[in-house]
């Protein structure tokens, strides 16, 4: 599934997270969350545990939660 969206504005910024409002090409609205981790936590996430957790989240289907459409780790 390829998602094509554009970030419209930043909604929240804290020391550990930034949340953006985005809109897809079809008009669907998204909330994009970017989490900020310490270097020690990030080093542990670079192993396969992050990829496994992301795969599980993308399969999750719950009526009260928005779906996870993508994820990844940025280099700091």
Protein backbone atom coordinates (compact mmCIF):
# COMPACT_ATOMS: atom_id res chain seq x y z
CA UNK A 1 0.00 0.00 0.00
CA UNK A 2 1.56 3.28 -1.09
CA UNK A 3 0.29 6.38 0.70
CA UNK A 4 0.55 9.76 -0.98
CA UNK A 5 -0.01 12.59 1.48
CA UNK A 6 1.11 16.15 2.18
CA UNK A 7 1.71 17.58 5.64
CA UNK A 8 -0.50 20.63 6.21
CA UNK A 9 0.51 21.82 9.67
CA UNK A 10 2.14 20.86 12.96
CA UNK A 11 -0.47 20.20 15.64
CA UNK A 12 1.68 19.35 18.66
CA UNK A 13 5.31 19.39 19.66
CA UNK A 14 6.69 17.99 22.90
CA UNK A 15 10.18 16.83 23.89
CA UNK A 16 9.34 13.28 22.74
CA UNK A 17 6.79 13.65 19.94
CA UNK A 18 5.66 15.82 17.03
CA UNK A 19 2.17 15.41 15.51
CA UNK A 20 1.28 16.76 12.07
CA UNK A 21 -2.02 17.08 10.22
CA UNK A 22 -1.78 15.72 6.68
CA UNK A 23 -4.12 15.19 3.75
CA UNK A 24 -3.94 12.45 1.16
CA UNK A 25 -4.39 12.98 -2.56
CA UNK A 26 -7.92 11.53 -2.25
CA UNK A 27 -8.77 14.09 0.46
CA UNK A 28 -8.50 11.63 3.38
CA UNK A 29 -7.03 13.22 6.50
CA UNK A 30 -4.13 11.68 8.43
CA UNK A 31 -2.40 12.34 11.72
CA UNK A 32 1.35 11.79 11.34
CA UNK A 33 3.24 11.12 14.58
CA UNK A 34 7.01 11.37 14.84
CA UNK A 35 8.52 10.09 18.06
CA UNK A 36 11.90 11.31 19.28
CA UNK A 37 14.04 8.72 21.06
CA UNK A 38 17.30 8.93 22.96
CA UNK A 39 20.35 7.43 21.25
CA UNK A 40 20.35 4.42 23.59
CA UNK A 41 16.70 3.59 22.87
CA UNK A 42 17.24 4.17 19.16
CA UNK A 43 20.21 1.78 19.15
CA UNK A 44 18.00 -0.96 20.63
CA UNK A 45 15.22 -0.27 18.11
CA UNK A 46 17.54 -0.66 15.13
CA UNK A 47 17.46 -4.40 15.64
CA UNK A 48 14.63 -6.42 14.16
CA UNK A 49 12.30 -5.69 17.10
CA UNK A 50 11.22 -2.38 15.51
CA UNK A 51 10.38 -4.01 12.18
CA UNK A 52 8.43 -6.80 13.90
CA UNK A 53 6.43 -4.31 15.99
CA UNK A 54 5.71 -2.13 12.94
CA UNK A 55 4.46 -5.13 10.99
CA UNK A 56 2.11 -6.06 13.86
CA UNK A 57 0.78 -2.49 14.12
CA UNK A 58 0.10 -2.31 10.38
CA UNK A 59 -2.00 -5.49 10.63
CA UNK A 60 -3.99 -4.23 13.62
CA UNK A 61 -7.63 -3.48 12.82
CA UNK A 62 -9.55 -1.82 15.65
CA UNK A 63 -12.65 0.33 15.25
CA UNK A 64 -11.47 2.96 17.76
CA UNK A 65 -7.94 3.37 16.37
CA UNK A 66 -6.65 4.85 13.15
CA UNK A 67 -4.60 2.38 11.13
CA UNK A 68 -0.81 2.56 11.09
CA UNK A 69 0.06 3.06 7.42
CA UNK A 70 3.83 3.33 7.53
CA UNK A 71 6.81 3.69 9.82
CA UNK A 72 10.55 3.86 9.94
CA UNK A 73 13.62 5.09 11.75
CA UNK A 74 15.39 8.29 10.74
CA UNK A 75 19.11 8.69 11.21
CA UNK A 76 19.99 11.32 13.80
